Amino acid sequence: MLIMVSITFSIPEETRKIMKEFPEVNWTHLVRSSIEEKAKKLALRKELLKRLDSEKDFIDWSVKLGKEAKKGRALRLK
């Protein structure tokens, strides 16, 4: 079962006047879906950064290995 919570926020009076000009828009749904979408994107970003950080040691090792291989080749070509 999905539990919903209520939040309250303020908007400028001018914005509210504009919103009233468009009663066909479900403003509650629009705000809810916008918040959900942004929260999901932030959660995904956090997870991707966490994965990238966990792979940092491997990336550093592979870069170091590549540099050492290039040095070895350069010495052999001289």
PDB file of N, CA and C in Angstrom:
ATOM      1  N   MET A   1       0.842  -1.184   0.000  1.00  0.00           N
ATOM      2  CA  MET A   1       0.000   0.000   0.000  1.00  0.00           C
ATOM      3  C   MET A   1       0.886   1.246   0.000  1.00  0.00           C
ATOM      4  N   LEU A   2       0.588   2.154  -0.883  1.00  0.00           N
ATOM      5  CA  LEU A   2       1.363   3.380  -1.016  1.00  0.00           C
ATOM      6  C   LEU A   2       0.851   4.416  -0.028  1.00  0.00           C
ATOM      7  N   ILE A   3       1.731   4.894   0.818  1.00  0.00           N
ATOM      8  CA  ILE A   3       1.351   5.916   1.797  1.00  0.00           C
ATOM      9  C   ILE A   3       1.763   7.268   1.244  1.00  0.00           C
ATOM     10  N   MET A   4       0.830   8.178   1.192  1.00  0.00           N
ATOM     11  CA  MET A   4       1.094   9.517   0.681  1.00  0.00           C
ATOM     12  C   MET A   4       1.186  10.481   1.859  1.00  0.00           C
ATOM     13  N   VAL A   5       2.085  11.449   1.754  1.00  0.00           N
ATOM     14  CA  VAL A   5       2.207  12.497   2.761  1.00  0.00           C
ATOM     15  C   VAL A   5       1.890  13.825   2.097  1.00  0.00           C
ATOM     16  N   SER A   6       1.496  14.779   2.895  1.00  0.00           N
ATOM     17  CA  SER A   6       1.177  16.108   2.374  1.00  0.00           C
ATOM     18  C   SER A   6       2.323  17.064   2.662  1.00  0.00           C
ATOM     19  N   ILE A   7       2.570  17.950   1.701  1.00  0.00           N
ATOM     20  CA  ILE A   7       3.529  19.028   1.911  1.00  0.00           C
ATOM     21  C   ILE A   7       2.854  20.333   1.508  1.00  0.00           C
ATOM     22  N   THR A   8       3.339  21.394   2.057  1.00  0.00           N
ATOM     23  CA  THR A   8       2.796  22.711   1.736  1.00  0.00           C
ATOM     24  C   THR A   8       3.959  23.591   1.296  1.00  0.00           C
ATOM     25  N   PHE A   9       3.747  24.376   0.258  1.00  0.00           N
ATOM     26  CA  PHE A   9       4.776  25.299  -0.177  1.00  0.00           C
ATOM     27  C   PHE A   9       4.119  26.580  -0.657  1.00  0.00           C
ATOM     28  N   SER A  10       4.911  27.607  -0.777  1.00  0.00           N
ATOM     29  CA  SER A  10       4.409  28.919  -1.189  1.00  0.00           C
ATOM     30  C   SER A  10       4.900  29.247  -2.589  1.00  0.00           C
ATOM     31  N   ILE A  11       4.066  29.957  -3.314  1.00  0.00           N
ATOM     32  CA  ILE A  11       4.438  30.441  -4.642  1.00  0.00           C
ATOM     33  C   ILE A  11       4.082  31.920  -4.704  1.00  0.00           C
ATOM     34  N   PRO A  12       4.702  32.652  -5.601  1.00  0.00           N
ATOM     35  CA  PRO A  12       4.373  34.071  -5.737  1.00  0.00           C
ATOM     36  C   PRO A  12       2.904  34.255  -6.157  1.00  0.00           C
ATOM     37  N   GLU A  13       2.313  35.324  -5.698  1.00  0.00           N
ATOM     38  CA  GLU A  13       0.914  35.617  -6.004  1.00  0.00           C
ATOM     39  C   GLU A  13       0.675  35.709  -7.508  1.00  0.00           C
ATOM     40  N   GLU A  14       1.616  36.270  -8.214  1.00  0.00           N
ATOM     41  CA  GLU A  14       1.488  36.393  -9.674  1.00  0.00           C
ATOM     42  C   GLU A  14       1.397  35.010 -10.322  1.00  0.00           C
ATOM     43  N   THR A  15       2.193  34.075  -9.823  1.00  0.00           N
ATOM     44  CA  THR A  15       2.148  32.706 -10.345  1.00  0.00           C
ATOM     45  C   THR A  15       0.783  32.091 -10.090  1.00  0.00           C
ATOM     46  N   ARG A  16       0.246  32.310  -8.920  1.00  0.00           N
ATOM     47  CA  ARG A  16      -1.078  31.770  -8.583  1.00  0.00           C
ATOM     48  C   ARG A  16      -2.154  32.349  -9.508  1.00  0.00           C
ATOM     49  N   LYS A  17      -2.050  33.623  -9.828  1.00  0.00           N
ATOM     50  CA  LYS A  17      -3.013  34.243 -10.744  1.00  0.00           C
ATOM     51  C   LYS A  17      -2.953  33.571 -12.118  1.00  0.00           C
ATOM     52  N   ILE A  18      -1.747  33.311 -12.574  1.00  0.00           N
ATOM     53  CA  ILE A  18      -1.587  32.649 -13.867  1.00  0.00           C
ATOM     54  C   ILE A  18      -2.175  31.248 -13.814  1.00  0.00           C
ATOM     55  N   MET A  19      -1.919  30.531 -12.730  1.00  0.00           N
ATOM     56  CA  MET A  19      -2.447  29.173 -12.583  1.00  0.00           C
ATOM     57  C   MET A  19      -3.976  29.165 -12.635  1.00  0.00           C
ATOM     58  N   LYS A  20      -4.593  30.162 -12.048  1.00  0.00           N
ATOM     59  CA  LYS A  20      -6.055  30.231 -12.037  1.00  0.00           C
ATOM     60  C   LYS A  20      -6.625  30.436 -13.439  1.00  0.00           C
ATOM     61  N   GLU A  21      -5.815  30.962 -14.337  1.00  0.00           N
ATOM     62  CA  GLU A  21      -6.257  31.162 -15.714  1.00  0.00           C
ATOM     63  C   GLU A  21      -6.352  29.835 -16.476  1.00  0.00           C
ATOM     64  N   PHE A  22      -5.785  28.781 -15.900  1.00  0.00           N
ATOM     65  CA  PHE A  22      -5.773  27.472 -16.554  1.00  0.00           C
ATOM     66  C   PHE A  22      -6.316  26.399 -15.618  1.00  0.00           C
ATOM     67  N   PRO A  23      -7.617  26.435 -15.363  1.00  0.00           N
ATOM     68  CA  PRO A  23      -8.207  25.472 -14.422  1.00  0.00           C
ATOM     69  C   PRO A  23      -8.200  24.034 -14.961  1.00  0.00           C
ATOM     70  N   GLU A  24      -8.005  23.887 -16.255  1.00  0.00           N
ATOM     71  CA  GLU A  24      -7.980  22.538 -16.830  1.00  0.00           C
ATOM     72  C   GLU A  24      -6.707  21.770 -16.460  1.00  0.00           C
ATOM     73  N   VAL A  25      -5.697  22.486 -15.971  1.00  0.00           N
ATOM     74  CA  VAL A  25      -4.443  21.844 -15.572  1.00  0.00           C
ATOM     75  C   VAL A  25      -4.594  21.314 -14.146  1.00  0.00           C
ATOM     76  N   ASN A  26      -4.248  20.063 -13.973  1.00  0.00           N
ATOM     77  CA  ASN A  26      -4.257  19.469 -12.635  1.00  0.00           C
ATOM     78  C   ASN A  26      -2.914  19.816 -11.988  1.00  0.00           C
ATOM     79  N   TRP A  27      -2.874  20.949 -11.311  1.00  0.00           N
ATOM     80  CA  TRP A  27      -1.633  21.468 -10.765  1.00  0.00           C
ATOM     81  C   TRP A  27      -1.042  20.547  -9.707  1.00  0.00           C
ATOM     82  N   THR A  28      -1.887  19.929  -8.919  1.00  0.00           N
ATOM     83  CA  THR A  28      -1.392  19.001  -7.894  1.00  0.00           C
ATOM     84  C   THR A  28      -0.658  17.839  -8.543  1.00  0.00           C
ATOM     85  N   HIS A  29      -1.257  17.268  -9.565  1.00  0.00           N
ATOM     86  CA  HIS A  29      -0.617  16.145 -10.267  1.00  0.00           C
ATOM     87  C   HIS A  29       0.688  16.597 -10.924  1.00  0.00           C
ATOM     88  N   LEU A  30       0.664  17.760 -11.531  1.00  0.00           N
ATOM     89  CA  LEU A  30       1.857  18.284 -12.194  1.00  0.00           C
ATOM     90  C   LEU A  30       3.009  18.440 -11.210  1.00  0.00           C
ATOM     91  N   VAL A  31       2.727  19.029 -10.070  1.00  0.00           N
ATOM     92  CA  VAL A  31       3.771  19.227  -9.059  1.00  0.00           C
ATOM     93  C   VAL A  31       4.235  17.883  -8.509  1.00  0.00           C
ATOM     94  N   ARG A  32       3.296  16.998  -8.202  1.00  0.00           N
ATOM     95  CA  ARG A  32       3.649  15.688  -7.659  1.00  0.00           C
ATOM     96  C   ARG A  32       4.542  14.920  -8.625  1.00  0.00           C
ATOM     97  N   SER A  33       4.145  14.861  -9.885  1.00  0.00           N
ATOM     98  CA  SER A  33       4.936  14.103 -10.857  1.00  0.00           C
ATOM     99  C   SER A  33       6.297  14.752 -11.097  1.00  0.00           C
ATOM    100  N   SER A  34       6.367  16.071 -11.065  1.00  0.00           N
ATOM    101  CA  SER A  34       7.651  16.758 -11.234  1.00  0.00           C
ATOM    102  C   SER A  34       8.594  16.437 -10.079  1.00  0.00           C
ATOM    103  N   ILE A  35       8.072  16.445  -8.858  1.00  0.00           N
ATOM    104  CA  ILE A  35       8.889  16.124  -7.687  1.00  0.00           C
ATOM    105  C   ILE A  35       9.347  14.668  -7.738  1.00  0.00           C
ATOM    106  N   GLU A  36       8.441  13.767  -8.095  1.00  0.00           N
ATOM    107  CA  GLU A  36       8.805  12.345  -8.182  1.00  0.00           C
ATOM    108  C   GLU A  36       9.892  12.120  -9.227  1.00  0.00           C
ATOM    109  N   GLU A  37       9.752  12.745 -10.382  1.00  0.00           N
ATOM    110  CA  GLU A  37      10.730  12.586 -11.454  1.00  0.00           C
ATOM    111  C   GLU A  37      12.101  13.101 -11.027  1.00  0.00           C
ATOM    112  N   LYS A  38      12.137  14.275 -10.411  1.00  0.00           N
ATOM    113  CA  LYS A  38      13.405  14.856  -9.958  1.00  0.00           C
ATOM    114  C   LYS A  38      14.035  13.981  -8.879  1.00  0.00           C
ATOM    115  N   ALA A  39      13.231  13.482  -7.939  1.00  0.00           N
ATOM    116  CA  ALA A  39      13.752  12.625  -6.875  1.00  0.00           C
ATOM    117  C   ALA A  39      14.349  11.344  -7.445  1.00  0.00           C
ATOM    118  N   LYS A  40      13.693  10.757  -8.431  1.00  0.00           N
ATOM    119  CA  LYS A  40      14.204   9.536  -9.058  1.00  0.00           C
ATOM    120  C   LYS A  40      15.521   9.805  -9.781  1.00  0.00           C
ATOM    121  N   LYS A  41      15.615  10.931 -10.471  1.00  0.00           N
ATOM    122  CA  LYS A  41      16.849  11.281 -11.174  1.00  0.00           C
ATOM    123  C   LYS A  41      17.994  11.489 -10.185  1.00  0.00           C
ATOM    124  N   LEU A  42      17.702  12.154  -9.073  1.00  0.00           N
ATOM    125  CA  LEU A  42      18.738  12.377  -8.063  1.00  0.00           C
ATOM    126  C   LEU A  42      19.185  11.059  -7.426  1.00  0.00           C
ATOM    127  N   ALA A  43      18.239  10.160  -7.187  1.00  0.00           N
ATOM    128  CA  ALA A  43      18.581   8.859  -6.618  1.00  0.00           C
ATOM    129  C   ALA A  43      19.454   8.061  -7.587  1.00  0.00           C
ATOM    130  N   LEU A  44      19.119   8.100  -8.870  1.00  0.00           N
ATOM    131  CA  LEU A  44      19.916   7.411  -9.881  1.00  0.00           C
ATOM    132  C   LEU A  44      21.316   8.006  -9.955  1.00  0.00           C
ATOM    133  N   ARG A  45      21.399   9.317  -9.932  1.00  0.00           N
ATOM    134  CA  ARG A  45      22.701  10.006  -9.966  1.00  0.00           C
ATOM    135  C   ARG A  45      23.551   9.579  -8.775  1.00  0.00           C
ATOM    136  N   LYS A  46      22.931   9.531  -7.607  1.00  0.00           N
ATOM    137  CA  LYS A  46      23.652   9.121  -6.400  1.00  0.00           C
ATOM    138  C   LYS A  46      24.174   7.693  -6.541  1.00  0.00           C
ATOM    139  N   GLU A  47      23.354   6.805  -7.061  1.00  0.00           N
ATOM    140  CA  GLU A  47      23.754   5.406  -7.242  1.00  0.00           C
ATOM    141  C   GLU A  47      24.883   5.285  -8.263  1.00  0.00           C
ATOM    142  N   LEU A  48      24.796   6.023  -9.357  1.00  0.00           N
ATOM    143  CA  LEU A  48      25.848   5.970 -10.378  1.00  0.00           C
ATOM    144  C   LEU A  48      27.170   6.512  -9.845  1.00  0.00           C
ATOM    145  N   LEU A  49      27.110   7.591  -9.072  1.00  0.00           N
ATOM    146  CA  LEU A  49      28.329   8.137  -8.475  1.00  0.00           C
ATOM    147  C   LEU A  49      28.931   7.157  -7.476  1.00  0.00           C
ATOM    148  N   LYS A  50      28.078   6.459  -6.751  1.00  0.00           N
ATOM    149  CA  LYS A  50      28.540   5.452  -5.789  1.00  0.00           C
ATOM    150  C   LYS A  50      29.253   4.314  -6.528  1.00  0.00           C
ATOM    151  N   ARG A  51      28.674   3.859  -7.636  1.00  0.00           N
ATOM    152  CA  ARG A  51      29.298   2.786  -8.429  1.00  0.00           C
ATOM    153  C   ARG A  51      30.617   3.246  -9.030  1.00  0.00           C
ATOM    154  N   LEU A  52      30.625   4.470  -9.550  1.00  0.00           N
ATOM    155  CA  LEU A  52      31.844   5.013 -10.147  1.00  0.00           C
ATOM    156  C   LEU A  52      32.944   5.107  -9.104  1.00  0.00           C
ATOM    157  N   ASP A  53      32.594   5.547  -7.911  1.00  0.00           N
ATOM    158  CA  ASP A  53      33.574   5.658  -6.835  1.00  0.00           C
ATOM    159  C   ASP A  53      34.124   4.286  -6.453  1.00  0.00           C
ATOM    160  N   SER A  54      33.259   3.276  -6.462  1.00  0.00           N
ATOM    161  CA  SER A  54      33.717   1.923  -6.107  1.00  0.00           C
ATOM    162  C   SER A  54      34.635   1.343  -7.174  1.00  0.00           C
ATOM    163  N   GLU A  55      34.562   1.835  -8.396  1.00  0.00           N
ATOM    164  CA  GLU A  55      35.413   1.357  -9.484  1.00  0.00           C
ATOM    165  C   GLU A  55      36.673   2.200  -9.650  1.00  0.00           C
ATOM    166  N   LYS A  56      36.834   3.219  -8.817  1.00  0.00           N
ATOM    167  CA  LYS A  56      37.959   4.139  -8.940  1.00  0.00           C
ATOM    168  C   LYS A  56      39.301   3.421  -8.822  1.00  0.00           C
ATOM    169  N   ASP A  57      39.434   2.491  -7.886  1.00  0.00           N
ATOM    170  CA  ASP A  57      40.699   1.765  -7.728  1.00  0.00           C
ATOM    171  C   ASP A  57      41.060   1.003  -8.999  1.00  0.00           C
ATOM    172  N   PHE A  58      40.073   0.350  -9.611  1.00  0.00           N
ATOM    173  CA  PHE A  58      40.324  -0.397 -10.841  1.00  0.00           C
ATOM    174  C   PHE A  58      40.735   0.550 -11.968  1.00  0.00           C
ATOM    175  N   ILE A  59      40.057   1.680 -12.077  1.00  0.00           N
ATOM    176  CA  ILE A  59      40.380   2.650 -13.130  1.00  0.00           C
ATOM    177  C   ILE A  59      41.804   3.176 -12.938  1.00  0.00           C
ATOM    178  N   ASP A  60      42.143   3.541 -11.692  1.00  0.00           N
ATOM    179  CA  ASP A  60      43.494   4.033 -11.412  1.00  0.00           C
ATOM    180  C   ASP A  60      44.539   2.979 -11.774  1.00  0.00           C
ATOM    181  N   TRP A  61      44.276   1.723 -11.417  1.00  0.00           N
ATOM    182  CA  TRP A  61      45.208   0.630 -11.714  1.00  0.00           C
ATOM    183  C   TRP A  61      45.384   0.472 -13.220  1.00  0.00           C
ATOM    184  N   SER A  62      44.282   0.503 -13.963  1.00  0.00           N
ATOM    185  CA  SER A  62      44.371   0.294 -15.412  1.00  0.00           C
ATOM    186  C   SER A  62      45.094   1.454 -16.102  1.00  0.00           C
ATOM    187  N   VAL A  63      44.899   2.678 -15.628  1.00  0.00           N
ATOM    188  CA  VAL A  63      45.606   3.831 -16.204  1.00  0.00           C
ATOM    189  C   VAL A  63      47.097   3.700 -15.933  1.00  0.00           C
ATOM    190  N   LYS A  64      47.444   3.323 -14.703  1.00  0.00           N
ATOM    191  CA  LYS A  64      48.853   3.143 -14.347  1.00  0.00           C
ATOM    192  C   LYS A  64      49.491   2.043 -15.197  1.00  0.00           C
ATOM    193  N   LEU A  65      48.785   0.953 -15.380  1.00  0.00           N
ATOM    194  CA  LEU A  65      49.287  -0.152 -16.185  1.00  0.00           C
ATOM    195  C   LEU A  65      49.527   0.292 -17.634  1.00  0.00           C
ATOM    196  N   GLY A  66      48.586   1.067 -18.180  1.00  0.00           N
ATOM    197  CA  GLY A  66      48.736   1.566 -19.549  1.00  0.00           C
ATOM    198  C   GLY A  66      49.943   2.472 -19.697  1.00  0.00           C
ATOM    199  N   LYS A  67      50.175   3.337 -18.709  1.00  0.00           N
ATOM    200  CA  LYS A  67      51.330   4.246 -18.755  1.00  0.00           C
ATOM    201  C   LYS A  67      52.637   3.459 -18.697  1.00  0.00           C
ATOM    202  N   GLU A  68      52.676   2.438 -17.829  1.00  0.00           N
ATOM    203  CA  GLU A  68      53.881   1.614 -17.716  1.00  0.00           C
ATOM    204  C   GLU A  68      54.145   0.857 -19.017  1.00  0.00           C
ATOM    205  N   ALA A  69      53.096   0.386 -19.659  1.00  0.00           N
ATOM    206  CA  ALA A  69      53.257  -0.335 -20.927  1.00  0.00           C
ATOM    207  C   ALA A  69      53.802   0.596 -21.999  1.00  0.00           C
ATOM    208  N   LYS A  70      53.331   1.825 -22.030  1.00  0.00           N
ATOM    209  CA  LYS A  70      53.829   2.791 -23.021  1.00  0.00           C
ATOM    210  C   LYS A  70      55.294   3.114 -22.777  1.00  0.00           C
ATOM    211  N   LYS A  71      55.687   3.253 -21.508  1.00  0.00           N
ATOM    212  CA  LYS A  71      57.095   3.528 -21.179  1.00  0.00           C
ATOM    213  C   LYS A  71      57.970   2.387 -21.664  1.00  0.00           C
ATOM    214  N   GLY A  72      57.539   1.169 -21.406  1.00  0.00           N
ATOM    215  CA  GLY A  72      58.312   0.001 -21.818  1.00  0.00           C
ATOM    216  C   GLY A  72      58.478  -0.075 -23.313  1.00  0.00           C
ATOM    217  N   ARG A  73      57.452   0.223 -24.050  1.00  0.00           N
ATOM    218  CA  ARG A  73      57.530   0.206 -25.514  1.00  0.00           C
ATOM    219  C   ARG A  73      58.465   1.288 -26.041  1.00  0.00           C
ATOM    220  N   ALA A  74      58.363   2.473 -25.410  1.00  0.00           N
ATOM    221  CA  ALA A  74      59.219   3.576 -25.853  1.00  0.00           C
ATOM    222  C   ALA A  74      60.686   3.246 -25.649  1.00  0.00           C
ATOM    223  N   LEU A  75      61.007   2.595 -24.528  1.00  0.00           N
ATOM    224  CA  LEU A  75      62.399   2.219 -24.278  1.00  0.00           C
ATOM    225  C   LEU A  75      62.899   1.178 -25.271  1.00  0.00           C
ATOM    226  N   ARG A  76      62.038   0.242 -25.655  1.00  0.00           N
ATOM    227  CA  ARG A  76      62.423  -0.795 -26.612  1.00  0.00           C
ATOM    228  C   ARG A  76      62.620  -0.229 -28.021  1.00  0.00           C
ATOM    229  N   LEU A  77      61.897   0.833 -28.351  1.00  0.00           N
ATOM    230  CA  LEU A  77      62.002   1.415 -29.688  1.00  0.00           C
ATOM    231  C   LEU A  77      63.257   2.268 -29.854  1.00  0.00           C
ATOM    232  N   LYS A  78      63.849   2.701 -28.759  1.00  0.00           N
ATOM    233  CA  LYS A  78      65.055   3.563 -28.856  1.00  0.00           C
ATOM    234  C   LYS A  78      66.251   2.828 -29.292  1.00  0.00           C
TER     235      LYS A  78
END
